[in-house]
């Protein structure tokens, strides 16, 4: 079985969007998301719906439900079994907001640029 390692994306200024999102969540939601992240780390790309969903262009979402609240944490896979968590949000509509997907792509581009040297 492959070993996966979850990393939180950090901007060049050391801000961490996923950490900021988790800090803003209720403690119950944060605990549920953290548990789902641990399962993602264990299962990696073998984790499928309804827990994860491929969105587009290499971006996936980790789907967490706690009570009536639904959250998403976007991520991508990187070499060496790394899973990079980019950003998160509380889901309020049927579709994943375009701005969240675009943000994940932007963060991935930044990550690749700074880590492939």
N, C-alpha and C. Protein backbone atom coordinates (compact mmCIF):
# COMPACT_ATOMS: atom_id res chain seq x y z
N UNK A 1 0.84 -1.19 0.00
CA UNK A 1 0.00 0.00 0.00
C UNK A 1 0.88 1.25 0.00
N UNK A 2 0.52 2.22 -0.82
CA UNK A 2 1.28 3.47 -0.88
C UNK A 2 1.11 4.26 0.40
N UNK A 3 2.13 5.02 0.73
CA UNK A 3 2.02 5.92 1.87
C UNK A 3 1.79 7.32 1.35
N UNK A 4 0.83 8.01 1.92
CA UNK A 4 0.51 9.37 1.52
C UNK A 4 0.84 10.31 2.66
N UNK A 5 1.17 11.52 2.30
CA UNK A 5 1.49 12.54 3.30
C UNK A 5 0.68 13.79 2.97
N UNK A 6 -0.13 14.24 3.90
CA UNK A 6 -0.94 15.43 3.69
C UNK A 6 -0.13 16.66 4.11
N UNK A 7 -0.13 17.66 3.25
CA UNK A 7 0.51 18.95 3.55
C UNK A 7 -0.50 20.06 3.35
N UNK A 8 -0.38 21.10 4.16
CA UNK A 8 -1.22 22.27 4.00
C UNK A 8 -0.46 23.28 3.14
N UNK A 9 -1.09 23.74 2.08
CA UNK A 9 -0.47 24.74 1.21
C UNK A 9 -0.21 26.02 1.99
N UNK A 10 0.97 26.58 1.81
CA UNK A 10 1.31 27.88 2.40
C UNK A 10 1.68 28.84 1.29
N UNK A 11 1.14 30.05 1.38
CA UNK A 11 1.51 31.09 0.43
C UNK A 11 2.96 31.51 0.72
N UNK A 12 3.54 32.29 -0.20
CA UNK A 12 4.91 32.77 -0.02
C UNK A 12 5.06 33.59 1.26
N UNK A 13 3.97 34.27 1.67
CA UNK A 13 4.00 35.08 2.90
C UNK A 13 3.68 34.25 4.15
N UNK A 14 3.65 32.93 3.99
CA UNK A 14 3.41 31.94 5.06
C UNK A 14 1.96 31.85 5.53
N UNK A 15 1.04 32.58 4.90
CA UNK A 15 -0.37 32.39 5.21
C UNK A 15 -0.79 31.01 4.75
N UNK A 16 -1.69 30.39 5.50
CA UNK A 16 -2.14 29.03 5.18
C UNK A 16 -3.68 29.04 5.08
N UNK A 17 -4.22 29.11 3.85
CA UNK A 17 -5.68 29.22 3.69
C UNK A 17 -6.48 28.09 4.35
N UNK A 18 -6.00 26.85 4.29
CA UNK A 18 -6.75 25.74 4.90
C UNK A 18 -6.76 25.88 6.41
N UNK A 19 -5.62 26.25 6.97
CA UNK A 19 -5.55 26.44 8.42
C UNK A 19 -6.49 27.56 8.86
N UNK A 20 -6.53 28.65 8.10
CA UNK A 20 -7.45 29.76 8.41
C UNK A 20 -8.90 29.29 8.33
N UNK A 21 -9.21 28.47 7.32
CA UNK A 21 -10.57 27.93 7.19
C UNK A 21 -10.91 27.05 8.40
N UNK A 22 -10.00 26.15 8.76
CA UNK A 22 -10.25 25.25 9.89
C UNK A 22 -10.42 26.02 11.19
N UNK A 23 -9.62 27.07 11.38
CA UNK A 23 -9.72 27.88 12.58
C UNK A 23 -11.08 28.57 12.67
N UNK A 24 -11.69 28.87 11.51
CA UNK A 24 -12.98 29.56 11.49
C UNK A 24 -14.15 28.60 11.68
N UNK A 25 -13.92 27.29 11.55
CA UNK A 25 -14.99 26.28 11.70
C UNK A 25 -15.32 26.07 13.18
N UNK A 26 -16.51 25.52 13.42
CA UNK A 26 -16.86 25.11 14.78
C UNK A 26 -15.94 23.97 15.17
N UNK A 27 -15.78 23.74 16.46
CA UNK A 27 -14.88 22.66 16.89
C UNK A 27 -15.39 21.30 16.42
N UNK A 28 -16.71 21.12 16.34
CA UNK A 28 -17.27 19.86 15.86
C UNK A 28 -16.93 19.63 14.38
N UNK A 29 -17.10 20.68 13.56
CA UNK A 29 -16.78 20.57 12.13
C UNK A 29 -15.29 20.36 11.94
N UNK A 30 -14.49 21.09 12.70
CA UNK A 30 -13.02 20.96 12.60
C UNK A 30 -12.59 19.53 12.93
N UNK A 31 -13.20 18.94 13.95
CA UNK A 31 -12.87 17.57 14.34
C UNK A 31 -13.26 16.59 13.23
N UNK A 32 -14.42 16.79 12.63
CA UNK A 32 -14.88 15.90 11.55
C UNK A 32 -13.98 16.03 10.33
N UNK A 33 -13.62 17.26 9.95
CA UNK A 33 -12.73 17.47 8.80
C UNK A 33 -11.37 16.84 9.08
N UNK A 34 -10.85 17.03 10.28
CA UNK A 34 -9.54 16.46 10.64
C UNK A 34 -9.58 14.94 10.52
N UNK A 35 -10.67 14.32 10.97
CA UNK A 35 -10.83 12.87 10.83
C UNK A 35 -10.84 12.45 9.37
N UNK A 36 -11.55 13.22 8.54
CA UNK A 36 -11.61 12.90 7.11
C UNK A 36 -10.24 13.08 6.45
N UNK A 37 -9.48 14.07 6.90
CA UNK A 37 -8.13 14.28 6.36
C UNK A 37 -7.24 13.08 6.71
N UNK A 38 -7.39 12.55 7.90
CA UNK A 38 -6.61 11.37 8.30
C UNK A 38 -6.96 10.15 7.43
N UNK A 39 -8.24 9.99 7.12
CA UNK A 39 -8.65 8.90 6.23
C UNK A 39 -8.08 9.14 4.83
N UNK A 40 -8.12 10.38 4.36
CA UNK A 40 -7.54 10.72 3.06
C UNK A 40 -6.05 10.38 3.04
N UNK A 41 -5.35 10.69 4.11
CA UNK A 41 -3.93 10.39 4.19
C UNK A 41 -3.69 8.88 4.12
N UNK A 42 -4.57 8.12 4.74
CA UNK A 42 -4.43 6.66 4.74
C UNK A 42 -4.77 6.05 3.38
N UNK A 43 -5.85 6.52 2.76
CA UNK A 43 -6.34 5.90 1.53
C UNK A 43 -5.83 6.58 0.26
N UNK A 44 -5.50 7.88 0.34
CA UNK A 44 -4.99 8.61 -0.82
C UNK A 44 -5.93 8.55 -2.00
N UNK A 45 -5.36 8.21 -3.18
CA UNK A 45 -6.17 8.23 -4.39
C UNK A 45 -7.15 7.06 -4.50
N UNK A 46 -7.18 6.19 -3.50
CA UNK A 46 -8.17 5.11 -3.47
C UNK A 46 -9.46 5.57 -2.78
N UNK A 47 -9.44 6.75 -2.17
CA UNK A 47 -10.64 7.29 -1.50
C UNK A 47 -11.56 7.86 -2.58
N UNK A 48 -12.78 7.40 -2.60
CA UNK A 48 -13.73 7.77 -3.66
C UNK A 48 -15.00 8.40 -3.07
N UNK A 49 -15.95 8.67 -3.98
CA UNK A 49 -17.24 9.23 -3.58
C UNK A 49 -17.90 8.27 -2.59
N UNK A 50 -18.62 8.77 -1.63
CA UNK A 50 -19.03 10.16 -1.47
C UNK A 50 -18.04 11.03 -0.68
N UNK A 51 -16.88 10.48 -0.35
CA UNK A 51 -15.92 11.21 0.50
C UNK A 51 -15.06 12.21 -0.27
N UNK A 52 -14.72 11.87 -1.49
CA UNK A 52 -13.97 12.80 -2.34
C UNK A 52 -14.64 12.86 -3.70
N UNK A 53 -14.35 13.92 -4.42
CA UNK A 53 -14.89 14.07 -5.77
C UNK A 53 -13.87 14.80 -6.61
N UNK A 54 -13.66 14.29 -7.84
CA UNK A 54 -12.80 14.99 -8.80
C UNK A 54 -13.60 16.16 -9.35
N UNK A 55 -13.00 17.36 -9.33
CA UNK A 55 -13.68 18.53 -9.86
C UNK A 55 -13.25 18.82 -11.28
N UNK A 56 -11.97 19.17 -11.46
CA UNK A 56 -11.44 19.44 -12.79
C UNK A 56 -9.95 19.71 -12.69
N UNK A 57 -9.25 19.49 -13.78
CA UNK A 57 -7.85 19.89 -13.92
C UNK A 57 -6.98 19.48 -12.73
N UNK A 58 -7.18 18.25 -12.23
CA UNK A 58 -6.35 17.75 -11.14
C UNK A 58 -6.75 18.21 -9.76
N UNK A 59 -7.84 18.94 -9.65
CA UNK A 59 -8.34 19.43 -8.35
C UNK A 59 -9.46 18.52 -7.87
N UNK A 60 -9.37 18.12 -6.60
CA UNK A 60 -10.36 17.26 -5.96
C UNK A 60 -10.94 17.99 -4.76
N UNK A 61 -12.07 17.50 -4.26
CA UNK A 61 -12.62 18.04 -3.02
C UNK A 61 -12.83 16.91 -2.02
N UNK A 62 -12.50 17.21 -0.76
CA UNK A 62 -12.78 16.32 0.36
C UNK A 62 -14.11 16.79 0.92
N UNK A 63 -15.07 15.89 0.97
CA UNK A 63 -16.45 16.25 1.31
C UNK A 63 -16.76 15.83 2.74
N UNK A 64 -17.09 16.80 3.56
CA UNK A 64 -17.37 16.53 4.98
C UNK A 64 -18.74 17.07 5.35
N UNK A 65 -19.49 16.27 6.08
CA UNK A 65 -20.80 16.70 6.58
C UNK A 65 -20.81 16.49 8.08
N UNK A 66 -21.22 17.53 8.80
CA UNK A 66 -21.34 17.46 10.26
C UNK A 66 -22.67 18.08 10.61
N UNK A 67 -23.60 17.27 11.04
CA UNK A 67 -24.96 17.76 11.28
C UNK A 67 -25.56 18.21 9.95
N UNK A 68 -26.07 19.44 9.91
CA UNK A 68 -26.64 19.96 8.66
C UNK A 68 -25.63 20.81 7.89
N UNK A 69 -24.43 20.94 8.43
CA UNK A 69 -23.40 21.73 7.77
C UNK A 69 -22.54 20.86 6.85
N UNK A 70 -22.21 21.41 5.70
CA UNK A 70 -21.39 20.70 4.72
C UNK A 70 -20.18 21.55 4.40
N UNK A 71 -19.00 20.95 4.45
CA UNK A 71 -17.79 21.69 4.10
C UNK A 71 -17.04 20.95 3.01
N UNK A 72 -16.18 21.69 2.35
CA UNK A 72 -15.32 21.13 1.32
C UNK A 72 -13.91 21.65 1.54
N UNK A 73 -12.93 20.76 1.39
CA UNK A 73 -11.53 21.15 1.39
C UNK A 73 -10.97 20.69 0.04
N UNK A 74 -10.43 21.62 -0.73
CA UNK A 74 -9.91 21.29 -2.05
C UNK A 74 -8.45 20.88 -1.94
N UNK A 75 -8.04 19.96 -2.83
CA UNK A 75 -6.67 19.45 -2.77
C UNK A 75 -6.24 18.93 -4.12
N UNK A 76 -4.93 18.66 -4.22
CA UNK A 76 -4.37 18.01 -5.40
C UNK A 76 -3.28 17.06 -4.96
N UNK A 77 -2.96 16.12 -5.83
CA UNK A 77 -1.89 15.16 -5.56
C UNK A 77 -0.59 15.68 -6.15
N UNK A 78 0.53 15.40 -5.45
CA UNK A 78 1.85 15.81 -5.90
C UNK A 78 2.77 14.60 -5.81
N UNK A 79 3.92 14.70 -6.43
CA UNK A 79 4.88 13.59 -6.45
C UNK A 79 5.18 13.07 -5.05
N UNK A 80 5.57 11.81 -4.99
CA UNK A 80 5.99 11.21 -3.73
C UNK A 80 4.86 10.96 -2.76
N UNK A 81 3.63 10.83 -3.27
CA UNK A 81 2.50 10.53 -2.39
C UNK A 81 2.03 11.71 -1.58
N UNK A 82 2.37 12.92 -2.00
CA UNK A 82 1.92 14.10 -1.26
C UNK A 82 0.51 14.50 -1.70
N UNK A 83 -0.28 14.89 -0.73
CA UNK A 83 -1.61 15.44 -0.96
C UNK A 83 -1.57 16.86 -0.40
N UNK A 84 -1.76 17.84 -1.26
CA UNK A 84 -1.65 19.25 -0.85
C UNK A 84 -3.06 19.82 -0.71
N UNK A 85 -3.42 20.20 0.52
CA UNK A 85 -4.71 20.83 0.79
C UNK A 85 -4.56 22.32 0.53
N UNK A 86 -5.43 22.87 -0.33
CA UNK A 86 -5.26 24.26 -0.75
C UNK A 86 -6.18 25.25 -0.03
N UNK A 87 -7.47 24.98 -0.02
CA UNK A 87 -8.43 25.92 0.57
C UNK A 87 -9.70 25.17 0.94
N UNK A 88 -10.52 25.79 1.77
CA UNK A 88 -11.75 25.17 2.21
C UNK A 88 -12.87 26.18 2.32
N UNK A 89 -14.08 25.68 2.37
CA UNK A 89 -15.24 26.56 2.49
C UNK A 89 -16.44 25.77 3.00
N UNK A 90 -17.40 26.49 3.56
CA UNK A 90 -18.67 25.89 3.97
C UNK A 90 -19.57 25.95 2.75
N UNK A 91 -20.16 24.82 2.41
CA UNK A 91 -20.95 24.72 1.19
C UNK A 91 -22.35 25.27 1.43
N UNK A 92 -22.77 26.19 0.55
CA UNK A 92 -24.09 26.79 0.69
C UNK A 92 -24.93 26.63 -0.57
N UNK A 93 -24.32 26.11 -1.63
CA UNK A 93 -25.07 25.93 -2.87
C UNK A 93 -24.81 24.53 -3.43
N UNK A 94 -25.57 24.15 -4.43
CA UNK A 94 -25.46 22.82 -5.00
C UNK A 94 -24.09 22.58 -5.64
N UNK A 95 -23.62 23.55 -6.41
CA UNK A 95 -22.35 23.39 -7.11
C UNK A 95 -21.21 24.03 -6.32
N UNK A 96 -20.02 23.47 -6.50
CA UNK A 96 -18.83 24.07 -5.90
C UNK A 96 -18.59 25.41 -6.58
N UNK A 97 -18.47 26.50 -5.80
CA UNK A 97 -18.29 27.82 -6.40
C UNK A 97 -17.04 27.89 -7.29
N UNK A 98 -17.18 28.48 -8.45
CA UNK A 98 -16.10 28.63 -9.41
C UNK A 98 -14.89 29.32 -8.76
N UNK A 99 -15.13 30.32 -7.93
CA UNK A 99 -14.01 31.06 -7.33
C UNK A 99 -13.16 30.16 -6.43
N UNK A 100 -13.78 29.17 -5.79
CA UNK A 100 -13.03 28.25 -4.93
C UNK A 100 -12.15 27.33 -5.77
N UNK A 101 -12.69 26.84 -6.89
CA UNK A 101 -11.90 25.99 -7.79
C UNK A 101 -10.74 26.79 -8.38
N UNK A 102 -11.04 28.01 -8.83
CA UNK A 102 -9.99 28.87 -9.41
C UNK A 102 -8.91 29.19 -8.38
N UNK A 103 -9.32 29.38 -7.13
CA UNK A 103 -8.36 29.64 -6.06
C UNK A 103 -7.45 28.43 -5.85
N UNK A 104 -8.04 27.24 -5.85
CA UNK A 104 -7.25 26.01 -5.69
C UNK A 104 -6.25 25.87 -6.83
N UNK A 105 -6.67 26.19 -8.05
CA UNK A 105 -5.76 26.12 -9.20
C UNK A 105 -4.63 27.14 -9.06
N UNK A 106 -4.97 28.33 -8.61
CA UNK A 106 -3.95 29.37 -8.41
C UNK A 106 -2.94 28.92 -7.36
N UNK A 107 -3.42 28.37 -6.26
CA UNK A 107 -2.53 27.90 -5.20
C UNK A 107 -1.67 26.74 -5.69
N UNK A 108 -2.26 25.85 -6.48
CA UNK A 108 -1.48 24.74 -7.03
C UNK A 108 -0.37 25.27 -7.93
N UNK A 109 -0.68 26.21 -8.81
CA UNK A 109 0.34 26.79 -9.70
C UNK A 109 1.47 27.41 -8.89
N UNK A 110 1.11 28.14 -7.85
CA UNK A 110 2.11 28.76 -6.99
C UNK A 110 2.97 27.69 -6.31
N UNK A 111 2.31 26.65 -5.80
CA UNK A 111 3.03 25.55 -5.13
C UNK A 111 4.02 24.90 -6.09
N UNK A 112 3.54 24.57 -7.28
CA UNK A 112 4.40 23.90 -8.28
C UNK A 112 5.59 24.78 -8.65
N UNK A 113 5.31 26.07 -8.83
CA UNK A 113 6.39 26.99 -9.20
C UNK A 113 7.47 27.07 -8.12
N UNK A 114 7.03 27.09 -6.86
CA UNK A 114 8.00 27.24 -5.77
C UNK A 114 8.64 25.92 -5.33
N UNK A 115 8.03 24.77 -5.70
CA UNK A 115 8.55 23.49 -5.23
C UNK A 115 9.15 22.60 -6.29
N UNK A 116 9.17 23.03 -7.52
CA UNK A 116 9.73 22.19 -8.58
C UNK A 116 11.09 22.69 -9.04
N UNK A 117 11.75 23.41 -8.17
CA UNK A 117 13.09 23.93 -8.50
C UNK A 117 14.16 23.16 -7.78
